[in-house]
């Protein structure tokens, strides 16, 4: 029987577009292999993605007693979180609107039988 273990990191202060560039590289890989890959990536989004995967691995080990070698990333998504509207003041009493985007990262790990 295959277990599905989830971890969600909400309100990450990085836009979903930037997070998706990182998660597309680790989708479908073994969980430990993905953590090793993320450790050496220069993108700022690699750190919160690695943190979420590590949390999902810890959930699998503590709550379900699964082995970390058997875990594979079955689903990983980055959704849009609420935007903060900000402003920068410009010339002649005008202002320039700024949208500070955030994202929710969801990781779903699945147990795969090792051969």
N, C-alpha and C. Protein backbone atom coordinates (compact mmCIF):
# COMPACT_ATOMS: atom_id res chain seq x y z
N UNK A 1 0.84 -1.19 0.00
CA UNK A 1 0.00 0.00 0.00
C UNK A 1 0.89 1.25 0.00
N UNK A 2 0.64 2.15 -0.91
CA UNK A 2 1.46 3.36 -1.04
C UNK A 2 0.86 4.48 -0.20
N UNK A 3 1.68 5.06 0.65
CA UNK A 3 1.27 6.19 1.48
C UNK A 3 1.55 7.48 0.74
N UNK A 4 0.73 8.48 1.00
CA UNK A 4 0.99 9.83 0.51
C UNK A 4 1.20 10.72 1.73
N UNK A 5 2.34 11.40 1.75
CA UNK A 5 2.69 12.27 2.87
C UNK A 5 2.82 13.69 2.33
N UNK A 6 2.20 14.65 3.04
CA UNK A 6 2.19 16.04 2.56
C UNK A 6 2.94 16.96 3.50
N UNK A 7 3.44 18.04 2.92
CA UNK A 7 3.97 19.16 3.71
C UNK A 7 3.66 20.42 2.91
N UNK A 8 3.23 21.46 3.62
CA UNK A 8 2.86 22.72 2.97
C UNK A 8 3.61 23.86 3.64
N UNK A 9 4.25 24.69 2.84
CA UNK A 9 4.93 25.88 3.35
C UNK A 9 4.16 27.06 2.77
N UNK A 10 3.51 27.84 3.64
CA UNK A 10 2.62 28.89 3.18
C UNK A 10 3.26 30.27 3.34
N UNK A 11 2.83 31.19 2.48
CA UNK A 11 3.25 32.59 2.52
C UNK A 11 4.76 32.78 2.38
N UNK A 12 5.36 32.05 1.44
CA UNK A 12 6.78 32.23 1.14
C UNK A 12 6.92 33.53 0.36
N UNK A 13 7.86 34.36 0.72
CA UNK A 13 7.99 35.68 0.13
C UNK A 13 8.67 35.73 -1.22
N UNK A 14 8.46 34.71 -2.04
CA UNK A 14 9.02 34.64 -3.38
C UNK A 14 7.87 34.39 -4.34
N UNK A 15 7.91 34.99 -5.52
CA UNK A 15 6.80 34.84 -6.45
C UNK A 15 6.70 33.39 -6.95
N UNK A 16 5.48 32.91 -7.23
CA UNK A 16 5.29 31.54 -7.68
C UNK A 16 6.04 31.23 -8.97
N UNK A 17 6.19 32.22 -9.84
CA UNK A 17 6.89 32.02 -11.10
C UNK A 17 8.35 31.63 -10.84
N UNK A 18 8.97 32.26 -9.87
CA UNK A 18 10.36 31.97 -9.55
C UNK A 18 10.50 30.62 -8.83
N UNK A 19 9.51 30.28 -8.01
CA UNK A 19 9.54 29.00 -7.31
C UNK A 19 9.34 27.85 -8.29
N UNK A 20 8.48 28.04 -9.28
CA UNK A 20 8.21 26.97 -10.27
C UNK A 20 9.44 26.62 -11.08
N UNK A 21 10.34 27.58 -11.31
CA UNK A 21 11.59 27.28 -12.02
C UNK A 21 12.40 26.25 -11.27
N UNK A 22 12.35 26.30 -9.94
CA UNK A 22 13.12 25.37 -9.11
C UNK A 22 12.40 24.03 -8.98
N UNK A 23 11.09 24.05 -8.73
CA UNK A 23 10.40 22.79 -8.47
C UNK A 23 10.26 21.93 -9.71
N UNK A 24 10.32 22.54 -10.90
CA UNK A 24 10.26 21.74 -12.12
C UNK A 24 11.48 20.82 -12.25
N UNK A 25 12.59 21.19 -11.62
CA UNK A 25 13.81 20.38 -11.70
C UNK A 25 13.79 19.19 -10.76
N UNK A 26 13.02 19.24 -9.69
CA UNK A 26 13.02 18.15 -8.71
C UNK A 26 11.78 17.27 -8.78
N UNK A 27 10.81 17.62 -9.59
CA UNK A 27 9.57 16.84 -9.68
C UNK A 27 9.86 15.43 -10.20
N UNK A 28 9.36 14.42 -9.48
CA UNK A 28 9.52 13.03 -9.90
C UNK A 28 10.80 12.36 -9.41
N UNK A 29 11.67 13.09 -8.76
CA UNK A 29 12.93 12.52 -8.28
C UNK A 29 12.75 11.91 -6.89
N UNK A 30 13.75 11.10 -6.47
CA UNK A 30 13.76 10.61 -5.11
C UNK A 30 13.95 11.80 -4.17
N UNK A 31 13.38 11.72 -2.98
CA UNK A 31 13.38 12.86 -2.06
C UNK A 31 14.79 13.24 -1.63
N UNK A 32 15.63 12.25 -1.30
CA UNK A 32 17.00 12.55 -0.87
C UNK A 32 17.82 13.14 -2.01
N UNK A 33 17.61 12.62 -3.22
CA UNK A 33 18.32 13.14 -4.40
C UNK A 33 17.93 14.59 -4.67
N UNK A 34 16.65 14.91 -4.47
CA UNK A 34 16.18 16.27 -4.68
C UNK A 34 16.81 17.23 -3.67
N UNK A 35 16.95 16.80 -2.41
CA UNK A 35 17.58 17.65 -1.40
C UNK A 35 19.04 17.93 -1.73
N UNK A 36 19.74 16.91 -2.23
CA UNK A 36 21.14 17.09 -2.62
C UNK A 36 21.25 18.06 -3.79
N UNK A 37 20.34 17.96 -4.75
CA UNK A 37 20.34 18.85 -5.91
C UNK A 37 20.06 20.29 -5.50
N UNK A 38 19.09 20.49 -4.60
CA UNK A 38 18.70 21.84 -4.18
C UNK A 38 19.79 22.52 -3.36
N UNK A 39 20.63 21.73 -2.71
CA UNK A 39 21.67 22.29 -1.85
C UNK A 39 22.65 23.16 -2.64
N UNK A 40 22.86 22.84 -3.92
CA UNK A 40 23.85 23.55 -4.72
C UNK A 40 23.26 24.48 -5.76
N UNK A 41 21.95 24.73 -5.68
CA UNK A 41 21.32 25.63 -6.64
C UNK A 41 21.44 27.07 -6.17
N UNK A 42 21.74 28.01 -7.10
CA UNK A 42 21.94 29.40 -6.70
C UNK A 42 20.64 30.19 -6.47
N UNK A 43 19.51 29.67 -6.91
CA UNK A 43 18.25 30.41 -6.80
C UNK A 43 17.83 30.55 -5.33
N UNK A 44 17.22 31.67 -5.01
CA UNK A 44 16.76 31.91 -3.64
C UNK A 44 15.61 30.98 -3.27
N UNK A 45 14.85 30.53 -4.26
CA UNK A 45 13.70 29.67 -3.99
C UNK A 45 14.11 28.25 -3.63
N UNK A 46 15.37 27.89 -3.84
CA UNK A 46 15.83 26.53 -3.55
C UNK A 46 15.77 26.23 -2.06
N UNK A 47 16.02 27.24 -1.23
CA UNK A 47 16.05 27.02 0.22
C UNK A 47 14.67 26.69 0.79
N UNK A 48 13.61 27.47 0.49
CA UNK A 48 12.29 27.10 1.01
C UNK A 48 11.75 25.80 0.42
N UNK A 49 12.10 25.49 -0.84
CA UNK A 49 11.65 24.22 -1.43
C UNK A 49 12.33 23.06 -0.70
N UNK A 50 13.63 23.19 -0.42
CA UNK A 50 14.36 22.14 0.30
C UNK A 50 13.79 21.97 1.71
N UNK A 51 13.44 23.08 2.33
CA UNK A 51 12.87 23.04 3.68
C UNK A 51 11.54 22.29 3.69
N UNK A 52 10.72 22.50 2.66
CA UNK A 52 9.43 21.84 2.57
C UNK A 52 9.59 20.34 2.32
N UNK A 53 10.53 19.97 1.45
CA UNK A 53 10.78 18.55 1.17
C UNK A 53 11.31 17.87 2.43
N UNK A 54 12.22 18.53 3.15
CA UNK A 54 12.75 17.97 4.39
C UNK A 54 11.65 17.78 5.43
N UNK A 55 10.70 18.71 5.48
CA UNK A 55 9.57 18.59 6.39
C UNK A 55 8.68 17.41 6.02
N UNK A 56 8.46 17.20 4.73
CA UNK A 56 7.65 16.07 4.28
C UNK A 56 8.34 14.75 4.61
N UNK A 57 9.67 14.70 4.47
CA UNK A 57 10.42 13.48 4.83
C UNK A 57 10.28 13.21 6.32
N UNK A 58 10.41 14.26 7.14
CA UNK A 58 10.27 14.10 8.59
C UNK A 58 8.86 13.64 8.96
N UNK A 59 7.85 14.16 8.28
CA UNK A 59 6.47 13.71 8.52
C UNK A 59 6.32 12.23 8.21
N UNK A 60 6.93 11.79 7.11
CA UNK A 60 6.83 10.39 6.71
C UNK A 60 7.50 9.48 7.72
N UNK A 61 8.66 9.88 8.22
CA UNK A 61 9.40 9.05 9.16
C UNK A 61 8.72 9.01 10.53
N UNK A 62 8.31 10.17 11.03
CA UNK A 62 7.75 10.23 12.38
C UNK A 62 6.31 9.74 12.47
N UNK A 63 5.48 10.14 11.52
CA UNK A 63 4.05 9.84 11.63
C UNK A 63 3.67 8.48 11.04
N UNK A 64 4.39 8.04 10.01
CA UNK A 64 4.01 6.80 9.33
C UNK A 64 5.07 5.72 9.41
N UNK A 65 6.27 6.04 9.91
CA UNK A 65 7.33 5.04 10.04
C UNK A 65 7.91 4.58 8.71
N UNK A 66 7.88 5.46 7.71
CA UNK A 66 8.40 5.10 6.39
C UNK A 66 9.91 5.35 6.34
N UNK A 67 10.58 4.65 5.43
CA UNK A 67 12.01 4.83 5.25
C UNK A 67 12.25 5.94 4.24
N UNK A 68 13.24 6.81 4.51
CA UNK A 68 13.48 7.95 3.63
C UNK A 68 14.05 7.54 2.28
N UNK A 69 14.63 6.35 2.17
CA UNK A 69 15.18 5.89 0.89
C UNK A 69 14.08 5.52 -0.11
N UNK A 70 12.88 5.21 0.41
CA UNK A 70 11.78 4.76 -0.45
C UNK A 70 10.86 5.89 -0.90
N UNK A 71 11.16 7.12 -0.52
CA UNK A 71 10.25 8.24 -0.80
C UNK A 71 10.58 8.94 -2.11
N UNK A 72 9.54 9.21 -2.89
CA UNK A 72 9.66 9.87 -4.19
C UNK A 72 8.68 11.05 -4.20
N UNK A 73 9.10 12.14 -4.84
CA UNK A 73 8.23 13.32 -4.95
C UNK A 73 7.20 13.04 -6.04
N UNK A 74 5.96 12.78 -5.63
CA UNK A 74 4.93 12.47 -6.61
C UNK A 74 4.27 13.74 -7.14
N UNK A 75 4.09 14.74 -6.24
CA UNK A 75 3.50 16.02 -6.65
C UNK A 75 4.19 17.14 -5.91
N UNK A 76 4.50 18.20 -6.60
CA UNK A 76 5.04 19.40 -5.97
C UNK A 76 4.53 20.60 -6.76
N UNK A 77 3.87 21.53 -6.07
CA UNK A 77 3.27 22.67 -6.75
C UNK A 77 3.55 23.95 -5.98
N UNK A 78 3.53 25.06 -6.69
CA UNK A 78 3.64 26.39 -6.08
C UNK A 78 2.43 27.21 -6.52
N UNK A 79 1.60 27.56 -5.56
CA UNK A 79 0.39 28.33 -5.84
C UNK A 79 0.59 29.79 -5.42
N UNK A 80 -0.25 30.65 -5.96
CA UNK A 80 -0.22 32.08 -5.64
C UNK A 80 -0.80 32.30 -4.25
N UNK A 81 -0.08 33.03 -3.42
CA UNK A 81 -0.58 33.46 -2.11
C UNK A 81 -1.12 34.88 -2.27
N UNK A 82 -1.76 35.42 -1.26
CA UNK A 82 -2.25 36.80 -1.37
C UNK A 82 -1.12 37.79 -1.63
N UNK A 83 -1.39 38.74 -2.54
CA UNK A 83 -0.39 39.75 -2.88
C UNK A 83 -0.49 40.92 -1.92
N UNK A 84 0.68 41.49 -1.58
CA UNK A 84 0.69 42.72 -0.81
C UNK A 84 0.84 43.87 -1.79
N UNK A 85 -0.03 44.83 -1.69
CA UNK A 85 0.07 46.00 -2.57
C UNK A 85 0.90 47.05 -1.86
N UNK A 86 1.90 47.54 -2.55
CA UNK A 86 2.83 48.51 -2.00
C UNK A 86 2.92 49.67 -2.97
N UNK A 87 3.60 50.74 -2.60
CA UNK A 87 3.69 51.88 -3.52
C UNK A 87 5.06 52.53 -3.38
N UNK A 88 5.50 53.09 -4.47
CA UNK A 88 6.72 53.89 -4.48
C UNK A 88 6.31 55.26 -5.01
N UNK A 89 6.64 56.29 -4.29
CA UNK A 89 6.20 57.63 -4.69
C UNK A 89 7.04 58.15 -5.84
N UNK A 90 6.36 58.79 -6.79
CA UNK A 90 7.02 59.30 -7.98
C UNK A 90 6.93 60.81 -8.05
N UNK A 91 7.32 61.34 -9.18
CA UNK A 91 7.33 62.78 -9.37
C UNK A 91 5.90 63.32 -9.51
N UNK A 92 5.72 64.58 -9.25
CA UNK A 92 4.46 65.32 -9.41
C UNK A 92 3.32 64.73 -8.58
N UNK A 93 3.62 64.20 -7.41
CA UNK A 93 2.58 63.71 -6.53
C UNK A 93 1.96 62.39 -6.95
N UNK A 94 2.56 61.72 -7.91
CA UNK A 94 2.05 60.42 -8.33
C UNK A 94 2.71 59.33 -7.52
N UNK A 95 2.19 58.09 -7.68
CA UNK A 95 2.89 56.96 -7.07
C UNK A 95 2.84 55.78 -8.02
N UNK A 96 3.82 54.91 -7.88
CA UNK A 96 3.94 53.72 -8.73
C UNK A 96 3.55 52.51 -7.90
N UNK A 97 2.52 51.76 -8.31
CA UNK A 97 2.12 50.59 -7.53
C UNK A 97 3.11 49.43 -7.70
N UNK A 98 3.33 48.73 -6.60
CA UNK A 98 4.21 47.56 -6.60
C UNK A 98 3.41 46.40 -6.02
N UNK A 99 3.45 45.24 -6.67
CA UNK A 99 2.79 44.04 -6.18
C UNK A 99 3.84 43.11 -5.61
N UNK A 100 3.79 42.88 -4.30
CA UNK A 100 4.73 41.96 -3.65
C UNK A 100 4.07 40.59 -3.63
N UNK A 101 4.55 39.71 -4.49
CA UNK A 101 3.93 38.40 -4.64
C UNK A 101 4.50 37.39 -3.66
N UNK A 102 3.67 36.46 -3.23
CA UNK A 102 4.08 35.38 -2.34
C UNK A 102 3.50 34.08 -2.88
N UNK A 103 3.95 32.95 -2.33
CA UNK A 103 3.49 31.66 -2.84
C UNK A 103 3.32 30.66 -1.71
N UNK A 104 2.54 29.62 -2.00
CA UNK A 104 2.37 28.46 -1.12
C UNK A 104 3.01 27.28 -1.82
N UNK A 105 3.94 26.58 -1.15
CA UNK A 105 4.61 25.42 -1.73
C UNK A 105 4.01 24.17 -1.09
N UNK A 106 3.55 23.23 -1.93
CA UNK A 106 2.98 21.97 -1.45
C UNK A 106 3.79 20.81 -2.01
N UNK A 107 4.23 19.91 -1.14
CA UNK A 107 4.99 18.73 -1.55
C UNK A 107 4.23 17.49 -1.11
N UNK A 108 4.05 16.54 -2.03
CA UNK A 108 3.43 15.27 -1.72
C UNK A 108 4.43 14.17 -2.05
N UNK A 109 4.82 13.40 -1.03
CA UNK A 109 5.75 12.29 -1.21
C UNK A 109 4.97 10.98 -1.23
N UNK A 110 5.48 10.03 -1.99
CA UNK A 110 4.85 8.73 -2.11
C UNK A 110 5.89 7.66 -1.86
N UNK A 111 5.48 6.58 -1.22
CA UNK A 111 6.40 5.47 -0.97
C UNK A 111 6.43 4.57 -2.19
N UNK A 112 7.64 4.26 -2.64
CA UNK A 112 7.82 3.35 -3.77
C UNK A 112 8.63 2.17 -3.28
N UNK A 113 8.18 0.97 -3.62
CA UNK A 113 8.88 -0.24 -3.19
C UNK A 113 10.24 -0.31 -3.85
N UNK A 114 11.30 -0.46 -3.04
CA UNK A 114 12.66 -0.57 -3.61
C UNK A 114 12.89 -2.00 -4.07
N UNK A 115 13.49 -2.15 -5.25
CA UNK A 115 13.66 -3.49 -5.85
C UNK A 115 14.81 -4.24 -5.23
